[in-house]
Amino acid sequence: MTETLHPVWISGAARLAGVIGHPVTHSRSPRLHGFWLARHRIDGAYLPLAIRPEDLAQVLPALPRMGFRGVNLTLPHKELVLPLCDEVEPVARAIGAVNTLIFGEDHRITGTNTDAWGFGAALAAGAPARDAAAPALVLGAGGAARAVVYALAKAGAARILIANRTAERAAALIRDLAPHCPATVLEAVDWAARSDLLAGCGTLVNTTSLGLHGQPPLDIDLGLADDRLVVSDIVYDPLETPILKAARARGLAAVDGLGMLLHQAVPGFERWFGVRPVVDAALRRHVAADLLIGEPAPC
């Protein structure tokens, strides 16, 4: 059943938030947050803000003075914003990227990262029987991989293997994250051996662009995987990537990338608008309906 949402007429006292990116045209975040604003009848708005990287330092301090409570950040700003924050929360400092800003009453800017929390929540919801302590294999070593590795480590993974096409990036990820994940062994492994490494793993996560709309599929053989393997792909365009389709064909638990997008939005919305929203089937249908007819987009 489709949930009926009624428009909310904002007043001069409306709470404001938004997403900064360049480009930002195809971001799903306004649709996502707009759903919650309508559901909770909140006097507020969430706006897409197309800000060029060279203008970020000038624009950002003006936003809290304009009534904004905070913003999300997407490419290419997640790392560029770090030195512009008055405070960076430990999770963002560990991951090395900020995706959420909170503006205080004194106009101070606090940066945090909700991607790790969002991934963990999506994985827990999509595969509740997952063995969180079992070894995990993460494909990729970019910013998204850093959030995923951090989340898996904090959830209790004893060992995380990182396979990346450029070995130096995997080594850099381990160097930066190891001090923040002392209970987890982080190990760089050969990209070419990714299929063979599945034996004994409890979780496989694709953080690369392989499988994204317009990109080649991820080439990995699930034949050596244990029956307990959970396969996650943070790509959400398309929702059913080739690796997820292959996992389901083998009877493995599969978690698509839309859940991470939805869950990572929860903490920011709560801090900006004072209501903790729920990720449910109605929200998923609302965002997915737009996703299925649109073009590839950042979060």
Protein backbone atom coordinates (compact mmCIF):
# COMPACT_ATOMS: atom_id res chain seq x y z
CA MET A 1 0.00 0.00 0.00
CA THR A 2 1.30 3.44 -0.92
CA GLU A 3 1.55 5.92 1.94
CA THR A 4 -0.34 9.17 1.37
CA LEU A 5 1.84 12.21 2.02
CA HIS A 6 0.34 15.64 2.43
CA PRO A 7 2.33 18.77 1.50
CA VAL A 8 3.59 20.95 4.33
CA TRP A 9 3.51 24.70 3.80
CA ILE A 10 6.72 26.05 5.29
CA SER A 11 6.75 29.24 7.33
CA GLY A 12 9.35 31.90 7.97
CA ALA A 13 10.49 29.82 10.94
CA ALA A 14 11.15 26.72 8.85
CA ARG A 15 14.17 24.59 9.68
CA LEU A 16 16.50 24.28 6.71
CA ALA A 17 18.93 21.56 5.66
CA GLY A 18 20.26 20.35 2.34
CA VAL A 19 22.90 18.54 0.35
CA ILE A 20 26.01 20.17 -1.14
CA GLY A 21 27.58 18.65 -4.22
CA HIS A 22 28.94 19.47 -7.65
CA PRO A 23 27.02 18.27 -9.50
CA VAL A 24 24.06 17.69 -7.20
CA THR A 25 21.26 17.48 -9.77
CA HIS A 26 20.65 13.74 -9.44
CA SER A 27 20.97 13.39 -5.67
CA ARG A 28 18.21 11.26 -4.10
CA SER A 29 18.66 12.95 -0.72
CA PRO A 30 16.04 15.70 -1.27
CA ARG A 31 13.46 13.03 -2.18
CA LEU A 32 14.47 10.94 0.84
CA HIS A 33 14.40 13.76 3.41
CA GLY A 34 11.35 15.31 1.79
CA PHE A 35 9.45 12.08 2.46
CA TRP A 36 10.26 12.26 6.18
CA LEU A 37 9.45 15.98 6.39
CA ALA A 38 6.02 15.31 4.91
CA ARG A 39 5.42 12.19 7.01
CA HIS A 40 6.15 14.05 10.26
CA ARG A 41 4.48 17.30 9.16
CA ILE A 42 7.64 19.26 9.93
CA ASP A 43 7.92 22.96 9.14
CA GLY A 44 11.15 22.57 7.20
CA ALA A 45 12.85 22.04 3.86
CA TYR A 46 15.78 20.06 2.49
CA LEU A 47 17.41 21.67 -0.54
CA PRO A 48 19.96 20.63 -3.20
CA LEU A 49 22.85 23.12 -3.23
CA ALA A 50 25.18 23.08 -6.22
CA ILE A 51 28.43 24.49 -4.83
CA ARG A 52 31.70 24.39 -6.74
CA PRO A 53 34.74 23.15 -4.79
CA GLU A 54 36.49 26.51 -5.11
CA ASP A 55 33.48 28.25 -3.53
CA LEU A 56 32.96 25.88 -0.59
CA ALA A 57 35.12 27.80 1.91
CA GLN A 58 33.21 31.01 1.20
CA VAL A 59 29.70 29.57 1.08
CA LEU A 60 29.81 27.20 4.04
CA PRO A 61 30.11 29.77 6.89
CA ALA A 62 27.13 31.68 5.47
CA LEU A 63 24.71 28.75 5.71
CA PRO A 64 24.15 28.73 9.50
CA ARG A 65 23.63 32.50 9.35
CA MET A 66 20.90 31.88 6.76
CA GLY A 67 19.00 29.55 9.09
CA PHE A 68 20.39 26.19 8.00
CA ARG A 69 20.66 23.55 10.73
CA GLY A 70 23.12 21.48 8.69
CA VAL A 71 23.83 19.82 5.37
CA ASN A 72 24.93 16.58 3.79
CA LEU A 73 27.98 16.49 1.55
CA THR A 74 28.48 14.42 -1.55
CA LEU A 75 31.20 14.38 -4.21
CA PRO A 76 33.60 16.12 -4.39
CA HIS A 77 33.30 17.75 -0.95
CA LYS A 78 33.56 14.94 1.62
CA GLU A 79 37.31 15.37 2.15
CA LEU A 80 37.60 19.04 1.15
CA VAL A 81 35.33 20.09 4.03
CA LEU A 82 37.49 18.63 6.82
CA PRO A 83 39.65 21.74 7.41
CA LEU A 84 36.56 23.97 7.26
CA CYS A 85 34.96 22.34 10.32
CA ASP A 86 35.29 23.79 13.81
CA GLU A 87 35.00 20.25 15.17
CA VAL A 88 35.32 16.84 13.51
CA GLU A 89 33.79 13.89 15.34
CA PRO A 90 36.04 10.84 15.87
CA VAL A 91 34.26 8.61 13.35
CA ALA A 92 34.78 11.16 10.55
CA ARG A 93 38.38 11.71 11.59
CA ALA A 94 39.02 7.96 11.47
CA ILE A 95 37.40 7.49 8.07
CA GLY A 96 38.94 10.66 6.70
CA ALA A 97 35.72 12.03 5.24
CA VAL A 98 32.67 14.03 6.33
CA ASN A 99 29.22 13.46 4.88
CA THR A 100 27.13 15.33 7.45
CA LEU A 101 27.48 18.79 8.97
CA ILE A 102 25.63 20.09 12.02
CA PHE A 103 25.45 23.85 12.59
CA GLY A 104 25.25 25.03 16.18
CA GLU A 105 23.36 28.03 17.54
CA ASP A 106 26.74 29.77 17.76
CA HIS A 107 27.29 29.00 14.03
CA ARG A 108 30.02 26.47 14.82
CA ILE A 109 30.32 23.71 12.22
CA THR A 110 30.60 20.10 13.40
CA GLY A 111 31.49 17.41 10.87
CA THR A 112 30.61 13.76 11.22
CA ASN A 113 30.31 10.65 9.05
CA THR A 114 27.12 8.59 9.02
CA ASP A 115 28.10 6.31 6.13
CA ALA A 116 29.63 3.70 8.44
CA TRP A 117 26.59 3.70 10.71
CA GLY A 118 24.30 3.57 7.69
CA PHE A 119 26.10 0.60 6.18
CA GLY A 120 26.07 -1.27 9.49
CA ALA A 121 22.37 -0.64 10.02
CA ALA A 122 21.51 -1.71 6.48
CA LEU A 123 23.56 -4.90 6.81
CA ALA A 124 21.94 -5.74 10.14
CA ALA A 125 18.47 -5.19 8.70
CA GLY A 126 19.13 -7.06 5.47
CA ALA A 127 21.01 -10.03 6.98
CA PRO A 128 20.10 -10.29 10.67
CA ALA A 129 21.60 -13.80 10.98
CA ARG A 130 25.02 -12.67 9.69
CA ASP A 131 28.06 -13.83 11.69
CA ALA A 132 29.61 -10.43 12.41
CA ALA A 133 32.80 -11.97 13.82
CA ALA A 134 33.58 -14.03 10.71
CA PRO A 135 36.25 -12.78 8.28
CA ALA A 136 35.08 -10.27 5.67
CA LEU A 137 36.32 -9.48 2.17
CA VAL A 138 35.97 -5.87 1.02
CA LEU A 139 36.49 -5.01 -2.64
CA GLY A 140 37.77 -1.48 -3.20
CA ALA A 141 39.76 0.99 -1.13
CA GLY A 142 38.12 4.37 -1.71
CA GLY A 143 36.14 6.54 0.67
CA ALA A 144 33.16 4.18 0.73
CA ALA A 145 35.45 1.24 1.50
CA ARG A 146 36.86 3.12 4.47
CA ALA A 147 33.38 3.56 5.92
CA VAL A 148 32.55 -0.10 5.28
CA VAL A 149 35.75 -1.40 6.86
CA TYR A 150 35.23 0.83 9.89
CA ALA A 151 31.65 -0.43 10.28
CA LEU A 152 32.61 -4.11 9.92
CA ALA A 153 35.41 -3.70 12.46
CA LYS A 154 33.19 -1.95 14.99
CA ALA A 155 30.59 -4.72 14.52
CA GLY A 156 33.19 -7.27 15.63
CA ALA A 157 34.90 -8.66 12.52
CA ALA A 158 38.08 -10.43 13.62
CA ARG A 159 39.73 -10.11 10.20
CA ILE A 160 39.01 -7.96 7.16
CA LEU A 161 40.65 -8.57 3.79
CA ILE A 162 40.88 -5.58 1.44
CA ALA A 163 41.30 -6.29 -2.28
CA ASN A 164 41.83 -3.33 -4.59
CA ARG A 165 43.02 -3.04 -8.15
CA THR A 166 45.66 -0.56 -6.95
CA ALA A 167 47.52 -2.17 -4.07
CA GLU A 168 48.89 1.13 -2.77
CA ARG A 169 45.39 2.40 -1.97
CA ALA A 170 44.60 -0.71 0.03
CA ALA A 171 47.83 -0.24 1.99
CA ALA A 172 46.92 3.41 2.67
CA LEU A 173 43.48 2.41 3.92
CA ILE A 174 45.00 -0.06 6.36
CA ARG A 175 47.60 2.45 7.54
CA ASP A 176 44.93 5.03 8.29
CA LEU A 177 42.25 2.78 9.80
CA ALA A 178 44.28 0.20 11.74
CA PRO A 179 44.83 2.51 14.75
CA HIS A 180 41.07 2.98 15.04
CA CYS A 181 40.26 -0.75 14.75
CA PRO A 182 42.75 -2.39 17.15
CA ALA A 183 40.66 -5.53 17.68
CA THR A 184 40.50 -6.32 13.95
CA VAL A 185 43.25 -7.60 11.67
CA LEU A 186 43.26 -5.60 8.44
CA GLU A 187 45.06 -7.26 5.54
CA ALA A 188 45.64 -6.18 1.94
CA VAL A 189 45.20 -9.04 -0.52
CA ASP A 190 45.74 -9.55 -4.24
CA TRP A 191 42.84 -8.35 -6.39
CA ALA A 192 43.36 -11.30 -8.76
CA ALA A 193 42.82 -13.75 -5.88
CA ARG A 194 39.44 -12.31 -4.83
CA SER A 195 37.42 -15.40 -5.76
CA ASP A 196 39.76 -17.82 -4.00
CA LEU A 197 39.65 -15.70 -0.82
CA LEU A 198 35.91 -16.21 -0.38
CA ALA A 199 36.38 -19.58 1.31
CA GLY A 200 35.87 -19.03 5.02
CA CYS A 201 34.49 -15.51 4.68
CA GLY A 202 31.19 -14.54 6.26
CA THR A 203 30.71 -11.26 4.41
CA LEU A 204 31.61 -9.95 0.95
CA VAL A 205 31.18 -6.24 0.22
CA ASN A 206 31.63 -4.59 -3.17
CA THR A 207 32.47 -0.89 -2.79
CA THR A 208 33.82 -0.46 -6.33
CA SER A 209 31.88 1.01 -9.27
CA LEU A 210 31.83 -2.39 -10.97
CA GLY A 211 28.20 -3.32 -11.51
CA LEU A 212 27.06 0.32 -11.52
CA HIS A 213 24.78 1.36 -14.37
CA GLY A 214 27.01 1.87 -17.41
CA GLN A 215 30.01 0.05 -15.87
CA PRO A 216 31.17 -3.53 -16.43
CA PRO A 217 29.94 -6.14 -13.93
CA LEU A 218 32.05 -7.33 -11.04
CA ASP A 219 33.86 -10.52 -12.06
CA ILE A 220 33.96 -12.82 -9.05
CA ASP A 221 33.18 -16.53 -8.71
CA LEU A 222 30.92 -17.35 -5.77
CA GLY A 223 31.52 -21.07 -6.26
CA LEU A 224 33.98 -21.26 -3.35
CA ALA A 225 31.78 -19.31 -0.95
CA ASP A 226 30.36 -20.87 2.18
CA ASP A 227 26.59 -21.14 2.44
CA ARG A 228 26.72 -18.58 5.27
CA LEU A 229 28.25 -15.86 3.09
CA VAL A 230 26.37 -12.54 3.03
CA VAL A 231 26.92 -10.56 -0.17
CA SER A 232 26.52 -6.79 -0.05
CA ASP A 233 26.89 -4.29 -2.88
CA ILE A 234 26.80 -0.58 -2.04
CA VAL A 235 25.84 0.16 -5.66
CA TYR A 236 22.13 0.97 -5.82
CA ASP A 237 21.73 1.81 -9.50
CA PRO A 238 20.67 -0.78 -10.48
CA LEU A 239 19.24 -2.20 -7.27
CA GLU A 240 19.89 -5.75 -8.47
CA THR A 241 23.52 -5.79 -9.56
CA PRO A 242 24.96 -8.88 -11.26
CA ILE A 243 26.77 -9.99 -8.09
CA LEU A 244 23.60 -9.74 -6.01
CA LYS A 245 21.67 -11.68 -8.64
CA ALA A 246 24.35 -14.38 -8.63
CA ALA A 247 24.29 -14.53 -4.83
CA ARG A 248 20.53 -14.98 -4.69
CA ALA A 249 20.75 -17.68 -7.38
CA ARG A 250 23.06 -19.62 -5.05
CA GLY A 251 20.74 -19.11 -2.09
CA LEU A 252 23.03 -16.63 -0.35
CA ALA A 253 21.83 -13.63 1.62
CA ALA A 254 22.14 -10.48 -0.50
CA VAL A 255 21.95 -6.84 0.64
CA ASP A 256 21.63 -4.06 -1.93
CA GLY A 257 23.04 -0.55 -1.64
CA LEU A 258 19.78 1.35 -1.20
CA GLY A 259 19.62 0.42 2.48
CA MET A 260 22.92 2.18 3.18
CA LEU A 261 21.65 5.34 1.48
CA LEU A 262 18.45 5.31 3.53
CA HIS A 263 19.98 4.47 6.90
CA GLN A 264 22.88 6.92 6.66
CA ALA A 265 20.31 9.73 6.46
CA VAL A 266 18.71 8.95 9.83
CA PRO A 267 21.23 10.59 12.23
CA GLY A 268 21.45 13.83 10.26
CA PHE A 269 17.68 14.22 9.98
CA GLU A 270 17.31 13.68 13.71
CA ARG A 271 19.93 16.29 14.58
CA TRP A 272 18.53 18.88 12.17
CA PHE A 273 14.80 18.42 12.61
CA GLY A 274 14.46 16.93 16.11
CA VAL A 275 12.68 13.73 15.03
CA ARG A 276 14.28 10.31 14.62
CA PRO A 277 12.82 8.93 11.37
CA VAL A 278 12.26 5.27 10.50
CA VAL A 279 13.57 3.42 7.48
CA ASP A 280 10.69 1.24 6.32
CA ALA A 281 9.13 -0.30 3.22
CA ALA A 282 7.17 2.85 2.36
CA LEU A 283 10.32 4.98 2.33
CA ARG A 284 12.17 2.39 0.29
CA ARG A 285 9.38 2.26 -2.31
CA HIS A 286 9.29 6.05 -2.49
CA VAL A 287 13.02 6.42 -3.13
CA ALA A 288 13.33 3.32 -5.33
CA ALA A 289 10.48 4.43 -7.59
CA ASP A 290 12.45 7.53 -8.48
CA LEU A 291 15.69 5.59 -8.70
CA LEU A 292 14.39 3.07 -11.20
CA ILE A 293 13.39 5.75 -13.72
CA GLY A 294 16.30 8.12 -13.15
CA GLU A 295 19.95 8.33 -14.02
CA PRO A 296 22.87 7.12 -11.89
CA ALA A 297 23.24 9.36 -8.87
CA PRO A 298 25.41 9.99 -5.81
CA CYS A 299 23.85 9.87 -2.39
